[in-house]
Amino acid sequence: MVYFHNRSPHWILGMKILEEAFSNKRLDVGHFRIFGSSVYCHVTKYAQNKLEPIVELGIFGGYTDTPHNYWAYMLASRMIVVCRDVNLGEQKAMQVSLDRELLLQVVEKILVPKIEEP
C-alpha cells in the first residue's frame, strides 16, 4: 500500500508525484493494474483433474510483497489466493468505469438546477 501511496500525485506538489517533483523525471506507472477487474488464474496441472478447466475466474484484489504475484478472490471457491500466472480483463473494467462516469455526468446535469440571469 505504501508503494502506491508514494506513487500517487498530491495537490501540495501541484499534482505531481513526490519522486517526480524531487528528481524532475517522469515515473513509469504502466505496470499498475485496475483493482476489481476480472482475473483468470491458471490452475496448475497437479491441482486439476482431467476434465476440469485450466483457468479459474476471480476478482483482482492487489499485489503481494513478492514481485509478479497477485492476490485474487476466487468466485467459485470463495477464497483469496495468491496467483502468479494471471490474465487480467482490464478492458472490460475500464469500459464499465467509463460508462459509469458518463452516466454520473448525465445525472449530475439533470439534478443541478440552472441559474437564469435576470
N, C-alpha and C. Protein backbone atom coordinates (compact mmCIF):
# COMPACT_ATOMS: atom_id res chain seq x y z
N MET A 1 0.81 -1.18 0.00
CA MET A 1 0.00 0.00 0.00
C MET A 1 0.86 1.26 0.00
N VAL A 2 1.99 1.21 0.69
CA VAL A 2 2.90 2.36 0.71
C VAL A 2 3.47 2.59 -0.68
N TYR A 3 3.66 1.53 -1.43
CA TYR A 3 4.18 1.63 -2.79
C TYR A 3 3.28 2.51 -3.65
N PHE A 4 1.96 2.32 -3.53
CA PHE A 4 1.02 3.12 -4.30
C PHE A 4 0.92 4.54 -3.75
N HIS A 5 0.99 4.65 -2.44
CA HIS A 5 0.90 5.97 -1.82
C HIS A 5 2.07 6.85 -2.26
N ASN A 6 3.25 6.27 -2.36
CA ASN A 6 4.42 7.03 -2.78
C ASN A 6 4.38 7.39 -4.26
N ARG A 7 3.56 6.72 -5.03
CA ARG A 7 3.47 7.00 -6.45
C ARG A 7 2.13 7.64 -6.84
N SER A 8 1.49 8.27 -5.88
CA SER A 8 0.24 8.97 -6.11
C SER A 8 0.49 10.47 -6.11
N PRO A 9 -0.19 11.21 -6.99
CA PRO A 9 0.01 12.66 -7.03
C PRO A 9 -0.59 13.34 -5.80
N HIS A 10 -0.03 14.49 -5.45
CA HIS A 10 -0.50 15.23 -4.29
C HIS A 10 -0.72 16.68 -4.69
N TRP A 11 -1.74 17.29 -4.12
CA TRP A 11 -2.10 18.65 -4.52
C TRP A 11 -1.08 19.68 -4.05
N ILE A 12 -0.38 19.41 -2.95
CA ILE A 12 0.64 20.34 -2.46
C ILE A 12 1.79 20.46 -3.47
N LEU A 13 2.09 19.35 -4.13
CA LEU A 13 3.18 19.33 -5.11
C LEU A 13 2.71 19.73 -6.51
N GLY A 14 1.53 20.26 -6.62
CA GLY A 14 0.99 20.63 -7.93
C GLY A 14 0.58 19.41 -8.73
N MET A 15 -0.03 18.43 -8.07
CA MET A 15 -0.48 17.17 -8.66
C MET A 15 0.67 16.40 -9.30
N LYS A 16 1.85 16.48 -8.67
CA LYS A 16 2.99 15.68 -9.09
C LYS A 16 3.25 14.60 -8.06
N ILE A 17 3.94 13.57 -8.49
CA ILE A 17 4.37 12.52 -7.59
C ILE A 17 5.61 13.02 -6.86
N LEU A 18 5.79 12.59 -5.61
CA LEU A 18 6.89 13.07 -4.79
C LEU A 18 8.24 12.87 -5.46
N GLU A 19 8.49 11.69 -5.96
CA GLU A 19 9.76 11.41 -6.62
C GLU A 19 9.92 12.21 -7.91
N GLU A 20 8.81 12.44 -8.60
CA GLU A 20 8.82 13.22 -9.83
C GLU A 20 9.17 14.68 -9.52
N ALA A 21 8.63 15.23 -8.43
CA ALA A 21 8.92 16.60 -8.04
C ALA A 21 10.37 16.74 -7.56
N PHE A 22 10.90 15.69 -6.96
CA PHE A 22 12.25 15.72 -6.41
C PHE A 22 13.31 15.58 -7.50
N SER A 23 13.08 14.70 -8.47
CA SER A 23 14.10 14.40 -9.49
C SER A 23 13.81 15.02 -10.86
N ASN A 24 12.63 15.62 -11.05
CA ASN A 24 12.21 16.19 -12.34
C ASN A 24 12.18 15.16 -13.46
N LYS A 25 11.97 13.90 -13.12
CA LYS A 25 11.83 12.82 -14.11
C LYS A 25 10.45 12.19 -13.94
N ARG A 26 9.84 11.89 -15.06
CA ARG A 26 8.51 11.27 -15.04
C ARG A 26 8.64 9.79 -14.67
N LEU A 27 7.84 9.33 -13.70
CA LEU A 27 7.85 7.93 -13.28
C LEU A 27 6.97 7.08 -14.18
N ASP A 28 7.36 5.84 -14.37
CA ASP A 28 6.56 4.90 -15.15
C ASP A 28 5.64 4.14 -14.20
N VAL A 29 4.35 4.29 -14.35
CA VAL A 29 3.38 3.56 -13.54
C VAL A 29 2.51 2.68 -14.45
N GLY A 30 3.07 2.28 -15.57
CA GLY A 30 2.34 1.46 -16.53
C GLY A 30 2.09 0.05 -16.06
N HIS A 31 2.80 -0.37 -15.01
CA HIS A 31 2.63 -1.73 -14.50
C HIS A 31 1.49 -1.84 -13.49
N PHE A 32 0.84 -0.72 -13.14
CA PHE A 32 -0.30 -0.77 -12.23
C PHE A 32 -1.49 -1.40 -12.94
N ARG A 33 -2.27 -2.14 -12.21
CA ARG A 33 -3.45 -2.81 -12.75
C ARG A 33 -4.70 -2.26 -12.09
N ILE A 34 -5.85 -2.45 -12.72
CA ILE A 34 -7.12 -1.94 -12.22
C ILE A 34 -7.67 -2.89 -11.16
N PHE A 35 -7.88 -2.36 -9.96
CA PHE A 35 -8.44 -3.17 -8.88
C PHE A 35 -9.90 -3.48 -9.18
N GLY A 36 -10.31 -4.70 -8.91
CA GLY A 36 -11.68 -5.12 -9.14
C GLY A 36 -11.93 -5.67 -10.53
N SER A 37 -10.91 -5.71 -11.37
CA SER A 37 -11.10 -6.26 -12.71
C SER A 37 -11.09 -7.79 -12.63
N SER A 38 -11.62 -8.42 -13.66
CA SER A 38 -11.69 -9.87 -13.66
C SER A 38 -10.30 -10.46 -13.92
N VAL A 39 -10.05 -11.58 -13.24
CA VAL A 39 -8.75 -12.26 -13.32
C VAL A 39 -8.99 -13.71 -13.69
N TYR A 40 -8.19 -14.19 -14.61
CA TYR A 40 -8.23 -15.60 -14.97
C TYR A 40 -6.92 -16.22 -14.51
N CYS A 41 -6.98 -16.99 -13.41
CA CYS A 41 -5.79 -17.62 -12.83
C CYS A 41 -5.61 -19.01 -13.40
N HIS A 42 -4.38 -19.32 -13.74
CA HIS A 42 -4.05 -20.64 -14.27
C HIS A 42 -4.04 -21.65 -13.13
N VAL A 43 -4.74 -22.76 -13.31
CA VAL A 43 -4.74 -23.84 -12.34
C VAL A 43 -3.63 -24.81 -12.74
N THR A 44 -2.75 -25.12 -11.80
CA THR A 44 -1.61 -25.98 -12.13
C THR A 44 -2.07 -27.38 -12.52
N LYS A 45 -1.21 -28.06 -13.21
CA LYS A 45 -1.50 -29.40 -13.71
C LYS A 45 -1.74 -30.37 -12.55
N TYR A 46 -1.09 -30.13 -11.43
CA TYR A 46 -1.21 -31.03 -10.29
C TYR A 46 -2.49 -30.80 -9.50
N ALA A 47 -3.08 -29.63 -9.61
CA ALA A 47 -4.29 -29.31 -8.86
C ALA A 47 -5.57 -29.57 -9.64
N GLN A 48 -5.48 -29.98 -10.87
CA GLN A 48 -6.69 -30.19 -11.67
C GLN A 48 -6.82 -31.65 -12.08
N ASN A 49 -8.05 -32.04 -12.30
CA ASN A 49 -8.32 -33.36 -12.85
C ASN A 49 -8.40 -33.26 -14.36
N LYS A 50 -8.64 -34.37 -15.00
CA LYS A 50 -8.58 -34.42 -16.46
C LYS A 50 -9.65 -33.56 -17.14
N LEU A 51 -10.85 -33.54 -16.60
CA LEU A 51 -11.94 -32.83 -17.25
C LEU A 51 -12.24 -31.46 -16.64
N GLU A 52 -11.45 -31.02 -15.70
CA GLU A 52 -11.69 -29.72 -15.07
C GLU A 52 -11.03 -28.61 -15.89
N PRO A 53 -11.53 -27.39 -15.77
CA PRO A 53 -10.95 -26.27 -16.54
C PRO A 53 -9.53 -25.94 -16.09
N ILE A 54 -8.78 -25.32 -16.99
CA ILE A 54 -7.40 -24.99 -16.66
C ILE A 54 -7.25 -23.56 -16.13
N VAL A 55 -8.33 -22.77 -16.15
CA VAL A 55 -8.31 -21.43 -15.56
C VAL A 55 -9.50 -21.29 -14.61
N GLU A 56 -9.34 -20.38 -13.66
CA GLU A 56 -10.41 -20.11 -12.71
C GLU A 56 -10.66 -18.61 -12.68
N LEU A 57 -11.92 -18.21 -12.67
CA LEU A 57 -12.31 -16.81 -12.71
C LEU A 57 -12.27 -16.23 -11.30
N GLY A 58 -11.72 -15.02 -11.19
CA GLY A 58 -11.66 -14.33 -9.91
C GLY A 58 -11.71 -12.83 -10.09
N ILE A 59 -11.52 -12.12 -8.98
CA ILE A 59 -11.51 -10.65 -8.97
C ILE A 59 -10.16 -10.21 -8.47
N PHE A 60 -9.51 -9.30 -9.21
CA PHE A 60 -8.19 -8.81 -8.84
C PHE A 60 -8.29 -7.98 -7.57
N GLY A 61 -7.47 -8.33 -6.58
CA GLY A 61 -7.53 -7.65 -5.30
C GLY A 61 -6.31 -6.85 -4.96
N GLY A 62 -5.16 -7.21 -5.50
CA GLY A 62 -3.97 -6.45 -5.17
C GLY A 62 -2.69 -7.20 -5.45
N TYR A 63 -1.62 -6.65 -4.91
CA TYR A 63 -0.30 -7.19 -5.10
C TYR A 63 0.20 -7.80 -3.79
N THR A 64 1.17 -8.69 -3.89
CA THR A 64 1.81 -9.24 -2.70
C THR A 64 3.20 -8.61 -2.57
N ASP A 65 3.88 -8.96 -1.49
CA ASP A 65 5.23 -8.44 -1.29
C ASP A 65 6.22 -9.03 -2.29
N THR A 66 5.94 -10.23 -2.75
CA THR A 66 6.79 -10.88 -3.73
C THR A 66 6.47 -10.33 -5.12
N PRO A 67 7.48 -9.97 -5.90
CA PRO A 67 7.19 -9.44 -7.24
C PRO A 67 6.52 -10.46 -8.14
N HIS A 68 5.69 -9.98 -9.03
CA HIS A 68 4.97 -10.78 -10.05
C HIS A 68 3.93 -11.71 -9.45
N ASN A 69 3.56 -11.51 -8.20
CA ASN A 69 2.47 -12.27 -7.59
C ASN A 69 1.31 -11.34 -7.30
N TYR A 70 0.10 -11.84 -7.52
CA TYR A 70 -1.10 -11.07 -7.29
C TYR A 70 -2.01 -11.87 -6.37
N TRP A 71 -2.86 -11.17 -5.62
CA TRP A 71 -3.88 -11.91 -4.88
C TRP A 71 -5.22 -11.62 -5.51
N ALA A 72 -6.03 -12.67 -5.53
CA ALA A 72 -7.33 -12.59 -6.19
C ALA A 72 -8.36 -13.34 -5.37
N TYR A 73 -9.59 -12.86 -5.42
CA TYR A 73 -10.71 -13.53 -4.78
C TYR A 73 -11.35 -14.44 -5.82
N MET A 74 -11.30 -15.73 -5.56
CA MET A 74 -11.87 -16.71 -6.47
C MET A 74 -13.37 -16.85 -6.21
N LEU A 75 -14.16 -16.66 -7.26
CA LEU A 75 -15.61 -16.66 -7.11
C LEU A 75 -16.18 -18.04 -6.81
N ALA A 76 -15.66 -19.07 -7.45
CA ALA A 76 -16.22 -20.41 -7.29
C ALA A 76 -15.92 -20.98 -5.91
N SER A 77 -14.69 -20.82 -5.45
CA SER A 77 -14.29 -21.41 -4.16
C SER A 77 -14.45 -20.44 -2.99
N ARG A 78 -14.74 -19.15 -3.27
CA ARG A 78 -14.91 -18.12 -2.24
C ARG A 78 -13.68 -18.02 -1.34
N MET A 79 -12.52 -18.02 -1.97
CA MET A 79 -11.26 -17.94 -1.23
C MET A 79 -10.37 -16.88 -1.86
N ILE A 80 -9.46 -16.33 -1.05
CA ILE A 80 -8.45 -15.42 -1.55
C ILE A 80 -7.19 -16.24 -1.77
N VAL A 81 -6.66 -16.19 -2.99
CA VAL A 81 -5.47 -16.97 -3.33
C VAL A 81 -4.41 -16.05 -3.93
N VAL A 82 -3.18 -16.51 -3.86
CA VAL A 82 -2.07 -15.80 -4.48
C VAL A 82 -1.75 -16.51 -5.78
N CYS A 83 -1.77 -15.78 -6.88
CA CYS A 83 -1.53 -16.35 -8.21
C CYS A 83 -0.35 -15.65 -8.86
N ARG A 84 0.37 -16.38 -9.67
CA ARG A 84 1.44 -15.79 -10.45
C ARG A 84 1.06 -15.68 -11.91
N ASP A 85 0.50 -16.74 -12.46
CA ASP A 85 0.11 -16.77 -13.87
C ASP A 85 -1.33 -16.31 -14.01
N VAL A 86 -1.52 -15.03 -14.34
CA VAL A 86 -2.87 -14.47 -14.44
C VAL A 86 -3.02 -13.71 -15.75
N ASN A 87 -4.24 -13.63 -16.21
CA ASN A 87 -4.64 -12.75 -17.30
C ASN A 87 -5.72 -11.83 -16.74
N LEU A 88 -5.52 -10.55 -16.90
CA LEU A 88 -6.45 -9.57 -16.35
C LEU A 88 -7.37 -9.06 -17.45
N GLY A 89 -8.66 -8.98 -17.16
CA GLY A 89 -9.64 -8.43 -18.09
C GLY A 89 -9.84 -6.95 -17.83
N GLU A 90 -8.80 -6.15 -18.08
CA GLU A 90 -8.86 -4.73 -17.76
C GLU A 90 -9.70 -3.93 -18.74
N GLN A 91 -9.81 -4.37 -19.97
CA GLN A 91 -10.59 -3.62 -20.96
C GLN A 91 -12.05 -3.53 -20.54
N LYS A 92 -12.60 -4.62 -20.05
CA LYS A 92 -13.99 -4.63 -19.62
C LYS A 92 -14.17 -3.75 -18.39
N ALA A 93 -13.23 -3.82 -17.45
CA ALA A 93 -13.31 -2.99 -16.25
C ALA A 93 -13.22 -1.51 -16.60
N MET A 94 -12.36 -1.16 -17.55
CA MET A 94 -12.22 0.22 -17.97
C MET A 94 -13.49 0.71 -18.66
N GLN A 95 -14.09 -0.13 -19.49
CA GLN A 95 -15.33 0.25 -20.19
C GLN A 95 -16.46 0.46 -19.20
N VAL A 96 -16.57 -0.40 -18.19
CA VAL A 96 -17.61 -0.25 -17.17
C VAL A 96 -17.40 1.05 -16.41
N SER A 97 -16.14 1.37 -16.09
CA SER A 97 -15.82 2.60 -15.37
C SER A 97 -16.18 3.83 -16.20
N LEU A 98 -15.86 3.81 -17.50
CA LEU A 98 -16.19 4.94 -18.37
C LEU A 98 -17.70 5.11 -18.54
N ASP A 99 -18.41 3.99 -18.67
CA ASP A 99 -19.87 4.06 -18.79
C ASP A 99 -20.49 4.64 -17.52
N ARG A 100 -19.97 4.24 -16.37
CA ARG A 100 -20.48 4.74 -15.09
C ARG A 100 -20.21 6.24 -14.96
N GLU A 101 -19.04 6.68 -15.39
CA GLU A 101 -18.71 8.11 -15.32
C GLU A 101 -19.60 8.93 -16.23
N LEU A 102 -19.87 8.44 -17.43
CA LEU A 102 -20.77 9.15 -18.35
C LEU A 102 -22.18 9.23 -17.79
N LEU A 103 -22.63 8.15 -17.15
CA LEU A 103 -23.96 8.14 -16.56
C LEU A 103 -24.03 9.15 -15.41
N LEU A 104 -22.98 9.23 -14.60
CA LEU A 104 -22.97 10.18 -13.49
C LEU A 104 -22.99 11.62 -14.00
N GLN A 105 -22.31 11.89 -15.10
CA GLN A 105 -22.32 13.23 -15.66
C GLN A 105 -23.72 13.61 -16.15
N VAL A 106 -24.41 12.67 -16.76
CA VAL A 106 -25.77 12.93 -17.24
C VAL A 106 -26.70 13.18 -16.06
N VAL A 107 -26.60 12.37 -15.02
CA VAL A 107 -27.44 12.53 -13.83
C VAL A 107 -27.13 13.85 -13.15
N GLU A 108 -25.86 14.23 -13.09
CA GLU A 108 -25.47 15.49 -12.47
C GLU A 108 -26.07 16.68 -13.22
N LYS A 109 -26.09 16.63 -14.53
CA LYS A 109 -26.68 17.72 -15.32
C LYS A 109 -28.18 17.83 -15.07
N ILE A 110 -28.83 16.70 -14.85
CA ILE A 110 -30.27 16.72 -14.59
C ILE A 110 -30.56 17.28 -13.21
N LEU A 111 -29.74 16.92 -12.21
CA LEU A 111 -30.03 17.31 -10.84
C LEU A 111 -29.62 18.73 -10.49
N VAL A 112 -28.62 19.27 -11.17
CA VAL A 112 -28.16 20.61 -10.86
C VAL A 112 -29.08 21.63 -11.52
N PRO A 113 -29.70 22.50 -10.71
CA PRO A 113 -30.61 23.49 -11.31
C PRO A 113 -29.84 24.55 -12.09
N LYS A 114 -30.43 24.98 -13.18
CA LYS A 114 -29.80 26.02 -13.99
C LYS A 114 -30.18 27.38 -13.41
N ILE A 115 -29.17 28.23 -13.28
CA ILE A 115 -29.39 29.57 -12.75
C ILE A 115 -29.60 30.51 -13.92
N GLU A 116 -30.75 31.14 -13.93
CA GLU A 116 -31.07 32.08 -15.00
C GLU A 116 -30.67 33.48 -14.58
N GLU A 117 -29.98 34.17 -15.44
CA GLU A 117 -29.58 35.54 -15.14
C GLU A 117 -30.70 36.50 -15.52
N PRO A 118 -30.96 37.54 -14.67
CA PRO A 118 -32.04 38.48 -14.99
C PRO A 118 -31.70 39.45 -16.08
